Amino acid sequence: MGKKGGSKHLKRLPAPTFWPIHKKEFKWVVKPKPGPHMKDRSFPLLLILREILGLAKNRKEAKRILSENYFKVDGVIRKKDTFSVGLMDVLDISVIKKSYRILPLRRKGLGLHVIDGAEKDFKLCKILNKTIVKGGISQLNLHDGRNILLKKSDSEPITENVIKTHDVLKIDLPNSKILDHLSFNVGAFAIVENGKNIGRWGEIIAIEKKGALQPSIVTLKDLEDNQFKTILNYVFPIGKNEPWISLPEEVKQ
């Protein structure tokens, strides 16, 4: 009988480069289970608990801590040490009374940023796709695997004609209720989530649309009036007149 499914194991050498692990100290590393984020764009909870925060010395201790309902991801208790945590996810740890948001860091990839109590109650989600489902209802497919149905009761003042692909929704946690809408337009503040400019953020000053075979180019301007460019898929809007979320100091530089 042939093998079914992909590999359940992950070697350290091909692991994502932003994971804080020694590549040659051991052969294997924990592999994130399929979930809201891709393997190379997320952390498994075990890695956050053991390598990043240092709350456990080994996997056995980490599993025991997780079993005590101390960890919430986007307001939901998570006990699996292989659960994937990715971009813009909110991690609340009651045992140490701290909350974190996963953000892209300059020249580092993804990392944890400490946030205050008010920020842990909402999350920013980018719209990757918009489809029509049964009954003529618009379904918004978000970057973290969520699917939100835009019912008529939810359409005021946000109408389905206003919301477009690449826009961002500010949603309530853990209920996924839409709090606000941010259009992907010139004048919005955005952060770069991938590529050589990862972690840089600024105001969108131009959007150059290309053909079907070439990605659109977005030009941004940082706080020091330095301009830089990246492709449209790497840009994640984070605010209108100012960022809706707090940013680490290294991102602001």
C-alpha atoms as a PDB file:
ATOM      1  CA  MET A   1       0.000   0.000   0.000  1.00  0.00           C
ATOM      2  CA  GLY A   2       1.373   3.359  -0.995  1.00  0.00           C
ATOM      3  CA  LYS A   3       2.074   6.262   1.307  1.00  0.00           C
ATOM      4  CA  LYS A   4      -0.806   8.654   1.952  1.00  0.00           C
ATOM      5  CA  GLY A   5      -0.396  12.344   2.654  1.00  0.00           C
ATOM      6  CA  GLY A   6       2.755  14.377   3.214  1.00  0.00           C
ATOM      7  CA  SER A   7       5.567  13.819   5.665  1.00  0.00           C
ATOM      8  CA  LYS A   8       4.797  14.228   9.365  1.00  0.00           C
ATOM      9  CA  HIS A   9       8.410  15.144  10.150  1.00  0.00           C
ATOM     10  CA  LEU A  10      10.605  18.179   9.478  1.00  0.00           C
ATOM     11  CA  LYS A  11      14.392  18.375   9.488  1.00  0.00           C
ATOM     12  CA  ARG A  12      16.075  21.460  10.890  1.00  0.00           C
ATOM     13  CA  LEU A  13      18.049  22.375   7.773  1.00  0.00           C
ATOM     14  CA  PRO A  14      14.991  23.102   5.551  1.00  0.00           C
ATOM     15  CA  ALA A  15      13.048  24.711   8.420  1.00  0.00           C
ATOM     16  CA  PRO A  16      12.087  28.399   7.980  1.00  0.00           C
ATOM     17  CA  THR A  17      15.102  30.674   8.448  1.00  0.00           C
ATOM     18  CA  PHE A  18      13.354  32.943  10.973  1.00  0.00           C
ATOM     19  CA  TRP A  19      12.824  30.105  13.452  1.00  0.00           C
ATOM     20  CA  PRO A  20      15.213  30.662  16.402  1.00  0.00           C
ATOM     21  CA  ILE A  21      16.746  27.178  16.302  1.00  0.00           C
ATOM     22  CA  HIS A  22      20.244  25.767  15.815  1.00  0.00           C
ATOM     23  CA  LYS A  23      20.272  24.110  12.425  1.00  0.00           C
ATOM     24  CA  LYS A  24      22.950  21.488  13.207  1.00  0.00           C
ATOM     25  CA  GLU A  25      22.485  20.868  16.931  1.00  0.00           C
ATOM     26  CA  PHE A  26      19.810  18.233  16.322  1.00  0.00           C
ATOM     27  CA  LYS A  27      18.408  16.593  13.211  1.00  0.00           C
ATOM     28  CA  TRP A  28      14.651  17.083  13.679  1.00  0.00           C
ATOM     29  CA  VAL A  29      12.351  19.918  14.703  1.00  0.00           C
ATOM     30  CA  VAL A  30       8.621  20.044  15.387  1.00  0.00           C
ATOM     31  CA  LYS A  31       6.496  20.454  12.250  1.00  0.00           C
ATOM     32  CA  PRO A  32       3.373  22.676  12.396  1.00  0.00           C
ATOM     33  CA  LYS A  33       0.136  20.858  11.717  1.00  0.00           C
ATOM     34  CA  PRO A  34      -1.952  22.041   8.755  1.00  0.00           C
ATOM     35  CA  GLY A  35      -4.026  24.966   9.954  1.00  0.00           C
ATOM     36  CA  PRO A  36      -4.639  28.680   9.427  1.00  0.00           C
ATOM     37  CA  HIS A  37      -1.118  29.464   8.139  1.00  0.00           C
ATOM     38  CA  MET A  38       1.464  27.923   5.827  1.00  0.00           C
ATOM     39  CA  LYS A  39       4.374  26.045   7.378  1.00  0.00           C
ATOM     40  CA  ASP A  40       7.008  28.526   6.174  1.00  0.00           C
ATOM     41  CA  ARG A  41       4.991  31.543   7.386  1.00  0.00           C
ATOM     42  CA  SER A  42       4.214  30.509  10.965  1.00  0.00           C
ATOM     43  CA  PHE A  43       5.538  29.207  14.287  1.00  0.00           C
ATOM     44  CA  PRO A  44       4.370  26.027  16.019  1.00  0.00           C
ATOM     45  CA  LEU A  45       3.258  26.784  19.579  1.00  0.00           C
ATOM     46  CA  LEU A  46       6.011  24.537  20.940  1.00  0.00           C
ATOM     47  CA  LEU A  47       8.676  26.734  19.346  1.00  0.00           C
ATOM     48  CA  ILE A  48       7.170  29.886  20.879  1.00  0.00           C
ATOM     49  CA  LEU A  49       6.896  28.320  24.304  1.00  0.00           C
ATOM     50  CA  ARG A  50      10.337  26.693  24.395  1.00  0.00           C
ATOM     51  CA  GLU A  51      12.758  28.588  22.119  1.00  0.00           C
ATOM     52  CA  ILE A  52      11.310  32.119  22.035  1.00  0.00           C
ATOM     53  CA  LEU A  53       9.772  32.692  25.470  1.00  0.00           C
ATOM     54  CA  GLY A  54      11.806  30.123  27.391  1.00  0.00           C
ATOM     55  CA  LEU A  55       8.839  28.977  29.487  1.00  0.00           C
ATOM     56  CA  ALA A  56       9.703  25.292  29.012  1.00  0.00           C
ATOM     57  CA  LYS A  57      12.966  23.362  28.797  1.00  0.00           C
ATOM     58  CA  ASN A  58      11.659  20.514  26.684  1.00  0.00           C
ATOM     59  CA  ARG A  59       8.587  19.307  24.802  1.00  0.00           C
ATOM     60  CA  LYS A  60       7.206  17.403  27.785  1.00  0.00           C
ATOM     61  CA  GLU A  61       7.127  20.573  29.905  1.00  0.00           C
ATOM     62  CA  ALA A  62       5.614  22.535  27.024  1.00  0.00           C
ATOM     63  CA  LYS A  63       2.776  20.046  26.580  1.00  0.00           C
ATOM     64  CA  ARG A  64       2.025  20.162  30.300  1.00  0.00           C
ATOM     65  CA  ILE A  65       1.840  23.982  30.277  1.00  0.00           C
ATOM     66  CA  LEU A  66      -0.446  23.973  27.248  1.00  0.00           C
ATOM     67  CA  SER A  67      -2.760  21.453  28.914  1.00  0.00           C
ATOM     68  CA  GLU A  68      -3.482  23.987  31.674  1.00  0.00           C
ATOM     69  CA  ASN A  69      -5.456  26.291  29.309  1.00  0.00           C
ATOM     70  CA  TYR A  70      -2.930  29.114  29.664  1.00  0.00           C
ATOM     71  CA  PHE A  71      -2.573  29.846  25.941  1.00  0.00           C
ATOM     72  CA  LYS A  72      -5.103  31.584  23.726  1.00  0.00           C
ATOM     73  CA  VAL A  73      -4.622  32.275  20.019  1.00  0.00           C
ATOM     74  CA  ASP A  74      -7.068  34.880  18.710  1.00  0.00           C
ATOM     75  CA  GLY A  75      -9.134  34.445  21.874  1.00  0.00           C
ATOM     76  CA  VAL A  76      -9.452  30.647  21.569  1.00  0.00           C
ATOM     77  CA  ILE A  77      -7.672  28.233  23.938  1.00  0.00           C
ATOM     78  CA  ARG A  78      -5.152  26.070  22.078  1.00  0.00           C
ATOM     79  CA  LYS A  79      -3.601  22.936  23.576  1.00  0.00           C
ATOM     80  CA  LYS A  80      -1.805  21.375  20.609  1.00  0.00           C
ATOM     81  CA  ASP A  81       1.910  22.166  20.619  1.00  0.00           C
ATOM     82  CA  THR A  82       1.965  21.829  16.816  1.00  0.00           C
ATOM     83  CA  PHE A  83      -0.740  24.454  16.223  1.00  0.00           C
ATOM     84  CA  SER A  84       0.544  27.098  13.775  1.00  0.00           C
ATOM     85  CA  VAL A  85       0.636  30.768  14.776  1.00  0.00           C
ATOM     86  CA  GLY A  86       1.246  33.287  11.995  1.00  0.00           C
ATOM     87  CA  LEU A  87       0.991  36.845  10.744  1.00  0.00           C
ATOM     88  CA  MET A  88      -1.213  39.184  12.840  1.00  0.00           C
ATOM     89  CA  ASP A  89      -2.287  36.393  15.216  1.00  0.00           C
ATOM     90  CA  VAL A  90      -2.809  37.501  18.826  1.00  0.00           C
ATOM     91  CA  LEU A  91      -1.248  35.255  21.457  1.00  0.00           C
ATOM     92  CA  ASP A  92      -2.520  35.737  25.036  1.00  0.00           C
ATOM     93  CA  ILE A  93      -0.658  33.929  27.834  1.00  0.00           C
ATOM     94  CA  SER A  94      -2.505  34.185  31.138  1.00  0.00           C
ATOM     95  CA  VAL A  95       0.194  32.493  33.236  1.00  0.00           C
ATOM     96  CA  ILE A  96       2.631  35.378  32.621  1.00  0.00           C
ATOM     97  CA  LYS A  97      -0.085  38.006  31.997  1.00  0.00           C
ATOM     98  CA  LYS A  98       1.300  39.073  28.628  1.00  0.00           C
ATOM     99  CA  SER A  99      -0.078  39.330  25.099  1.00  0.00           C
ATOM    100  CA  TYR A 100       1.769  39.272  21.796  1.00  0.00           C
ATOM    101  CA  ARG A 101       1.039  39.938  18.141  1.00  0.00           C
ATOM    102  CA  ILE A 102       2.940  38.142  15.368  1.00  0.00           C
ATOM    103  CA  LEU A 103       4.479  40.810  13.115  1.00  0.00           C
ATOM    104  CA  PRO A 104       7.083  40.907  10.335  1.00  0.00           C
ATOM    105  CA  LEU A 105      10.387  42.207  11.698  1.00  0.00           C
ATOM    106  CA  ARG A 106      13.064  44.024   9.729  1.00  0.00           C
ATOM    107  CA  ARG A 107      15.632  41.574   8.324  1.00  0.00           C
ATOM    108  CA  LYS A 108      14.340  38.827  10.672  1.00  0.00           C
ATOM    109  CA  GLY A 109      11.102  37.414   9.300  1.00  0.00           C
ATOM    110  CA  LEU A 110       8.213  36.941  11.715  1.00  0.00           C
ATOM    111  CA  GLY A 111       8.497  37.672  15.430  1.00  0.00           C
ATOM    112  CA  LEU A 112       6.553  38.392  18.606  1.00  0.00           C
ATOM    113  CA  HIS A 113       5.626  41.950  19.612  1.00  0.00           C
ATOM    114  CA  VAL A 114       4.271  42.724  23.091  1.00  0.00           C
ATOM    115  CA  ILE A 115       0.872  44.470  23.039  1.00  0.00           C
ATOM    116  CA  ASP A 116      -1.319  45.967  25.747  1.00  0.00           C
ATOM    117  CA  GLY A 117      -4.653  44.670  27.015  1.00  0.00           C
ATOM    118  CA  ALA A 118      -6.813  46.679  24.621  1.00  0.00           C
ATOM    119  CA  GLU A 119      -5.012  45.482  21.495  1.00  0.00           C
ATOM    120  CA  LYS A 120      -5.536  41.807  22.239  1.00  0.00           C
ATOM    121  CA  ASP A 121      -9.279  42.190  21.594  1.00  0.00           C
ATOM    122  CA  PHE A 122      -8.964  42.770  17.843  1.00  0.00           C
ATOM    123  CA  LYS A 123      -7.039  41.558  14.830  1.00  0.00           C
ATOM    124  CA  LEU A 124      -6.313  42.744  11.292  1.00  0.00           C
ATOM    125  CA  CYS A 125      -7.105  40.284   8.476  1.00  0.00           C
ATOM    126  CA  LYS A 126      -6.312  40.748   4.792  1.00  0.00           C
ATOM    127  CA  ILE A 127      -8.915  39.676   2.235  1.00  0.00           C
ATOM    128  CA  LEU A 128      -7.364  37.174  -0.183  1.00  0.00           C
ATOM    129  CA  ASN A 129     -10.501  36.348  -2.121  1.00  0.00           C
ATOM    130  CA  LYS A 130     -14.174  37.258  -2.382  1.00  0.00           C
ATOM    131  CA  THR A 131     -16.744  34.746  -3.611  1.00  0.00           C
ATOM    132  CA  ILE A 132     -20.514  34.395  -3.866  1.00  0.00           C
ATOM    133  CA  VAL A 133     -22.018  31.402  -2.052  1.00  0.00           C
ATOM    134  CA  LYS A 134     -25.493  29.916  -1.922  1.00  0.00           C
ATOM    135  CA  GLY A 135     -28.220  32.522  -1.453  1.00  0.00           C
ATOM    136  CA  GLY A 136     -26.182  35.261  -3.155  1.00  0.00           C
ATOM    137  CA  ILE A 137     -24.217  36.008   0.032  1.00  0.00           C
ATOM    138  CA  SER A 138     -20.671  37.328  -0.292  1.00  0.00           C
ATOM    139  CA  GLN A 139     -18.012  35.258   1.434  1.00  0.00           C
ATOM    140  CA  LEU A 140     -14.712  36.890   2.381  1.00  0.00           C
ATOM    141  CA  ASN A 141     -11.718  34.544   2.500  1.00  0.00           C
ATOM    142  CA  LEU A 142      -9.077  35.973   4.864  1.00  0.00           C
ATOM    143  CA  HIS A 143      -5.332  35.396   5.125  1.00  0.00           C
ATOM    144  CA  ASP A 144      -5.591  33.375   8.349  1.00  0.00           C
ATOM    145  CA  GLY A 145      -8.047  30.818   6.966  1.00  0.00           C
ATOM    146  CA  ARG A 146     -11.211  32.536   8.223  1.00  0.00           C
ATOM    147  CA  ASN A 147     -14.284  32.780   6.033  1.00  0.00           C
ATOM    148  CA  ILE A 148     -16.711  35.583   6.878  1.00  0.00           C
ATOM    149  CA  LEU A 149     -20.178  35.742   5.370  1.00  0.00           C
ATOM    150  CA  LEU A 150     -21.167  39.323   4.626  1.00  0.00           C
ATOM    151  CA  LYS A 151     -24.844  39.130   5.513  1.00  0.00           C
ATOM    152  CA  LYS A 152     -27.264  41.991   4.983  1.00  0.00           C
ATOM    153  CA  SER A 153     -27.245  42.806   8.691  1.00  0.00           C
ATOM    154  CA  ASP A 154     -23.470  43.302   8.437  1.00  0.00           C
ATOM    155  CA  SER A 155     -23.530  45.436   5.316  1.00  0.00           C
ATOM    156  CA  GLU A 156     -24.115  48.826   6.954  1.00  0.00           C
ATOM    157  CA  PRO A 157     -22.084  50.976   6.782  1.00  0.00           C
ATOM    158  CA  ILE A 158     -19.790  48.430   5.080  1.00  0.00           C
ATOM    159  CA  THR A 159     -21.345  47.258   1.825  1.00  0.00           C
ATOM    160  CA  GLU A 160     -20.136  44.322  -0.249  1.00  0.00           C
ATOM    161  CA  ASN A 161     -19.428  46.711  -3.138  1.00  0.00           C
ATOM    162  CA  VAL A 162     -16.919  48.612  -0.963  1.00  0.00           C
ATOM    163  CA  ILE A 163     -14.945  45.609   0.272  1.00  0.00           C
ATOM    164  CA  LYS A 164     -12.426  44.316  -2.273  1.00  0.00           C
ATOM    165  CA  THR A 165      -9.543  41.875  -2.510  1.00  0.00           C
ATOM    166  CA  HIS A 166      -6.367  43.060  -0.676  1.00  0.00           C
ATOM    167  CA  ASP A 167      -8.437  45.222   1.679  1.00  0.00           C
ATOM    168  CA  VAL A 168      -8.127  44.664   5.435  1.00  0.00           C
ATOM    169  CA  LEU A 169     -10.790  44.029   8.049  1.00  0.00           C
ATOM    170  CA  LYS A 170     -10.480  44.896  11.716  1.00  0.00           C
ATOM    171  CA  ILE A 171     -12.307  42.068  13.467  1.00  0.00           C
ATOM    172  CA  ASP A 172     -13.337  41.418  17.040  1.00  0.00           C
ATOM    173  CA  LEU A 173     -11.785  38.469  18.876  1.00  0.00           C
ATOM    174  CA  PRO A 174     -12.864  35.744  19.266  1.00  0.00           C
ATOM    175  CA  ASN A 175     -16.238  36.418  17.568  1.00  0.00           C
ATOM    176  CA  SER A 176     -14.864  37.535  14.168  1.00  0.00           C
ATOM    177  CA  LYS A 177     -17.298  40.468  14.066  1.00  0.00           C
ATOM    178  CA  ILE A 178     -16.279  43.184  11.606  1.00  0.00           C
ATOM    179  CA  LEU A 179     -15.324  46.359  13.491  1.00  0.00           C
ATOM    180  CA  ASP A 180     -13.864  48.423  10.647  1.00  0.00           C
ATOM    181  CA  HIS A 181     -12.737  48.238   7.040  1.00  0.00           C
ATOM    182  CA  LEU A 182      -9.518  49.505   5.480  1.00  0.00           C
ATOM    183  CA  SER A 183      -9.271  49.905   1.702  1.00  0.00           C
ATOM    184  CA  PHE A 184      -6.069  49.134  -0.165  1.00  0.00           C
ATOM    185  CA  ASN A 185      -5.629  52.617  -1.597  1.00  0.00           C
ATOM    186  CA  VAL A 186      -3.094  55.404  -1.878  1.00  0.00           C
ATOM    187  CA  GLY A 187      -2.809  57.155   1.490  1.00  0.00           C
ATOM    188  CA  ALA A 188      -3.212  54.051   3.645  1.00  0.00           C
ATOM    189  CA  PHE A 189      -0.446  52.917   5.987  1.00  0.00           C
ATOM    190  CA  ALA A 190       0.918  49.446   5.280  1.00  0.00           C
ATOM    191  CA  ILE A 191       3.642  47.041   6.401  1.00  0.00           C
ATOM    192  CA  VAL A 192       5.673  44.751   4.145  1.00  0.00           C
ATOM    193  CA  GLU A 193       5.140  41.120   5.133  1.00  0.00           C
ATOM    194  CA  ASN A 194       7.688  39.420   2.865  1.00  0.00           C
ATOM    195  CA  GLY A 195      10.616  40.047   0.527  1.00  0.00           C
ATOM    196  CA  LYS A 196      13.804  42.057   1.021  1.00  0.00           C
ATOM    197  CA  ASN A 197      11.873  44.987   2.581  1.00  0.00           C
ATOM    198  CA  ILE A 198      10.101  42.804   5.145  1.00  0.00           C
ATOM    199  CA  GLY A 199       9.195  44.717   8.291  1.00  0.00           C
ATOM    200  CA  ARG A 200       9.355  48.179   6.698  1.00  0.00           C
ATOM    201  CA  TRP A 201       6.205  50.219   6.821  1.00  0.00           C
ATOM    202  CA  GLY A 202       4.927  53.547   5.617  1.00  0.00           C
ATOM    203  CA  GLU A 203       2.305  55.355   3.584  1.00  0.00           C
ATOM    204  CA  ILE A 204       1.237  53.999   0.206  1.00  0.00           C
ATOM    205  CA  ILE A 205       1.973  56.739  -2.336  1.00  0.00           C
ATOM    206  CA  ALA A 206       1.546  54.867  -5.625  1.00  0.00           C
ATOM    207  CA  ILE A 207       0.120  51.612  -6.990  1.00  0.00           C
ATOM    208  CA  GLU A 208       1.397  50.642 -10.441  1.00  0.00           C
ATOM    209  CA  LYS A 209      -0.793  47.956 -11.965  1.00  0.00           C
ATOM    210  CA  LYS A 210       0.851  45.575 -14.414  1.00  0.00           C
ATOM    211  CA  GLY A 211      -0.459  42.962 -16.801  1.00  0.00           C
ATOM    212  CA  ALA A 212      -1.758  39.522 -15.899  1.00  0.00           C
ATOM    213  CA  LEU A 213       1.735  37.967 -16.010  1.00  0.00           C
ATOM    214  CA  GLN A 214       3.472  40.638 -13.908  1.00  0.00           C
ATOM    215  CA  PRO A 215       2.757  41.564 -10.266  1.00  0.00           C
ATOM    216  CA  SER A 216       1.587  45.074  -9.497  1.00  0.00           C
ATOM    217  CA  ILE A 217       4.165  47.339  -7.833  1.00  0.00           C
ATOM    218  CA  VAL A 218       3.423  49.395  -4.719  1.00  0.00           C
ATOM    219  CA  THR A 219       5.538  52.393  -3.692  1.00  0.00           C
ATOM    220  CA  LEU A 220       5.638  53.357   0.001  1.00  0.00           C
ATOM    221  CA  LYS A 221       7.173  56.240   1.935  1.00  0.00           C
ATOM    222  CA  ASP A 222       8.463  55.775   5.489  1.00  0.00           C
ATOM    223  CA  LEU A 223       8.594  58.324   8.317  1.00  0.00           C
ATOM    224  CA  GLU A 224      11.910  59.703   7.025  1.00  0.00           C
ATOM    225  CA  ASP A 225      10.465  60.253   3.517  1.00  0.00           C
ATOM    226  CA  ASN A 226      12.493  57.362   2.103  1.00  0.00           C
ATOM    227  CA  GLN A 227      10.665  55.622  -0.735  1.00  0.00           C
ATOM    228  CA  PHE A 228      10.810  51.902  -1.390  1.00  0.00           C
ATOM    229  CA  LYS A 229       8.952  49.483  -3.637  1.00  0.00           C
ATOM    230  CA  THR A 230       7.593  45.972  -3.322  1.00  0.00           C
ATOM    231  CA  ILE A 231       5.016  43.797  -5.034  1.00  0.00           C
ATOM    232  CA  LEU A 232       1.339  44.142  -4.159  1.00  0.00           C
ATOM    233  CA  ASN A 233       0.992  40.698  -2.547  1.00  0.00           C
ATOM    234  CA  TYR A 234       3.654  41.594   0.041  1.00  0.00           C
ATOM    235  CA  VAL A 235       1.810  44.711   1.267  1.00  0.00           C
ATOM    236  CA  PHE A 236      -0.469  44.476   4.315  1.00  0.00           C
ATOM    237  CA  PRO A 237      -2.460  47.678   5.129  1.00  0.00           C
ATOM    238  CA  ILE A 238      -2.470  48.499   8.864  1.00  0.00           C
ATOM    239  CA  GLY A 239      -4.237  51.855   9.175  1.00  0.00           C
ATOM    240  CA  LYS A 240      -5.815  54.907   7.595  1.00  0.00           C
ATOM    241  CA  ASN A 241      -4.388  58.137   9.029  1.00  0.00           C
ATOM    242  CA  GLU A 242      -2.084  56.220  11.369  1.00  0.00           C
ATOM    243  CA  PRO A 243      -1.404  52.531  12.178  1.00  0.00           C
ATOM    244  CA  TRP A 244      -4.219  50.772  14.025  1.00  0.00           C
ATOM    245  CA  ILE A 245      -1.712  48.539  15.803  1.00  0.00           C
ATOM    246  CA  SER A 246       1.439  49.218  17.794  1.00  0.00           C
ATOM    247  CA  LEU A 247       4.748  48.417  16.093  1.00  0.00           C
ATOM    248  CA  PRO A 248       8.117  47.377  17.548  1.00  0.00           C
ATOM    249  CA  GLU A 249      10.908  49.921  17.525  1.00  0.00           C
ATOM    250  CA  GLU A 250      12.967  47.932  15.018  1.00  0.00           C
ATOM    251  CA  VAL A 251      10.056  48.087  12.546  1.00  0.00           C
ATOM    252  CA  LYS A 252       9.871  51.881  12.839  1.00  0.00           C
ATOM    253  CA  GLN A 253      13.532  52.356  11.970  1.00  0.00           C
END
